[in-house]
């Protein structure tokens, strides 16, 4: 897994992020860095649509 150091420095995870902030950060992270996958518990919530802004629902799933 390759770390995109520049992306990480420019896009730190917010302190005490909300579920929505975590989702947005991890989706953006997945597009820009391959150092790790979306955490399993968060991935489960994504697949169920929990905590997602309604505009993102069409882009999540199969």
C-alpha atoms as a PDB file:
ATOM      1  CA  UNK A   1       0.000   0.000   0.000  1.00  0.00           C
ATOM      2  CA  UNK A   2       1.395   3.344  -1.040  1.00  0.00           C
ATOM      3  CA  UNK A   3       1.092   6.460   1.133  1.00  0.00           C
ATOM      4  CA  UNK A   4       0.330   9.787  -0.563  1.00  0.00           C
ATOM      5  CA  UNK A   5       2.178  11.988   1.952  1.00  0.00           C
ATOM      6  CA  UNK A   6       1.239  15.255   0.252  1.00  0.00           C
ATOM      7  CA  UNK A   7      -2.475  14.405   0.296  1.00  0.00           C
ATOM      8  CA  UNK A   8      -2.354  13.423   3.979  1.00  0.00           C
ATOM      9  CA  UNK A   9      -0.578  16.637   4.945  1.00  0.00           C
ATOM     10  CA  UNK A  10      -3.113  18.737   3.055  1.00  0.00           C
ATOM     11  CA  UNK A  11      -6.177  16.784   4.264  1.00  0.00           C
ATOM     12  CA  UNK A  12      -5.955  15.845   7.948  1.00  0.00           C
ATOM     13  CA  UNK A  13      -8.922  14.068   9.514  1.00  0.00           C
ATOM     14  CA  UNK A  14     -10.865  16.620  11.601  1.00  0.00           C
ATOM     15  CA  UNK A  15     -10.529  16.319  15.368  1.00  0.00           C
ATOM     16  CA  UNK A  16     -13.595  14.546  16.790  1.00  0.00           C
ATOM     17  CA  UNK A  17     -15.214  14.143  13.351  1.00  0.00           C
ATOM     18  CA  UNK A  18     -18.909  13.511  12.915  1.00  0.00           C
ATOM     19  CA  UNK A  19     -19.953  10.350  11.100  1.00  0.00           C
ATOM     20  CA  UNK A  20     -20.620  12.403   7.960  1.00  0.00           C
ATOM     21  CA  UNK A  21     -17.149  14.024   8.157  1.00  0.00           C
ATOM     22  CA  UNK A  22     -15.537  10.585   8.552  1.00  0.00           C
ATOM     23  CA  UNK A  23     -17.429   9.262   5.540  1.00  0.00           C
ATOM     24  CA  UNK A  24     -16.484  12.230   3.334  1.00  0.00           C
ATOM     25  CA  UNK A  25     -12.833  12.060   4.444  1.00  0.00           C
ATOM     26  CA  UNK A  26     -12.534   8.313   3.828  1.00  0.00           C
ATOM     27  CA  UNK A  27     -14.213   8.490   0.409  1.00  0.00           C
ATOM     28  CA  UNK A  28     -11.856  11.303  -0.620  1.00  0.00           C
ATOM     29  CA  UNK A  29      -8.942   9.368   0.877  1.00  0.00           C
ATOM     30  CA  UNK A  30      -9.823   6.255  -1.130  1.00  0.00           C
ATOM     31  CA  UNK A  31      -9.656   8.322  -4.337  1.00  0.00           C
ATOM     32  CA  UNK A  32      -6.281   9.876  -3.518  1.00  0.00           C
ATOM     33  CA  UNK A  33      -4.274   7.429  -1.425  1.00  0.00           C
ATOM     34  CA  UNK A  34      -3.984   3.669  -1.144  1.00  0.00           C
ATOM     35  CA  UNK A  35      -2.313   3.404   2.272  1.00  0.00           C
ATOM     36  CA  UNK A  36      -5.311   1.596   3.793  1.00  0.00           C
ATOM     37  CA  UNK A  37      -8.904   0.628   3.106  1.00  0.00           C
ATOM     38  CA  UNK A  38     -12.002   2.237   4.570  1.00  0.00           C
ATOM     39  CA  UNK A  39     -12.409   0.798   8.107  1.00  0.00           C
ATOM     40  CA  UNK A  40     -14.737  -2.215   8.209  1.00  0.00           C
ATOM     41  CA  UNK A  41     -17.313  -0.670  10.577  1.00  0.00           C
ATOM     42  CA  UNK A  42     -17.508   2.482   8.463  1.00  0.00           C
ATOM     43  CA  UNK A  43     -17.729   0.422   5.282  1.00  0.00           C
ATOM     44  CA  UNK A  44     -20.688  -1.491   6.742  1.00  0.00           C
ATOM     45  CA  UNK A  45     -22.444   1.803   7.496  1.00  0.00           C
ATOM     46  CA  UNK A  46     -21.740   3.029   3.971  1.00  0.00           C
ATOM     47  CA  UNK A  47     -23.260  -0.104   2.454  1.00  0.00           C
ATOM     48  CA  UNK A  48     -26.368   0.345   4.611  1.00  0.00           C
ATOM     49  CA  UNK A  49     -26.560   4.059   3.786  1.00  0.00           C
ATOM     50  CA  UNK A  50     -26.191   5.055   7.460  1.00  0.00           C
ATOM     51  CA  UNK A  51     -24.940   8.590   7.991  1.00  0.00           C
ATOM     52  CA  UNK A  52     -24.673   9.419   4.315  1.00  0.00           C
ATOM     53  CA  UNK A  53     -25.748  12.727   2.901  1.00  0.00           C
ATOM     54  CA  UNK A  54     -28.655  11.919   0.592  1.00  0.00           C
ATOM     55  CA  UNK A  55     -26.731  13.235  -2.415  1.00  0.00           C
ATOM     56  CA  UNK A  56     -24.095  10.488  -1.991  1.00  0.00           C
ATOM     57  CA  UNK A  57     -26.505   7.545  -1.864  1.00  0.00           C
ATOM     58  CA  UNK A  58     -26.594   6.981  -5.651  1.00  0.00           C
ATOM     59  CA  UNK A  59     -22.797   6.536  -5.673  1.00  0.00           C
ATOM     60  CA  UNK A  60     -22.572   3.921  -2.901  1.00  0.00           C
ATOM     61  CA  UNK A  61     -23.280   0.231  -3.234  1.00  0.00           C
ATOM     62  CA  UNK A  62     -22.847  -2.479  -5.831  1.00  0.00           C
END
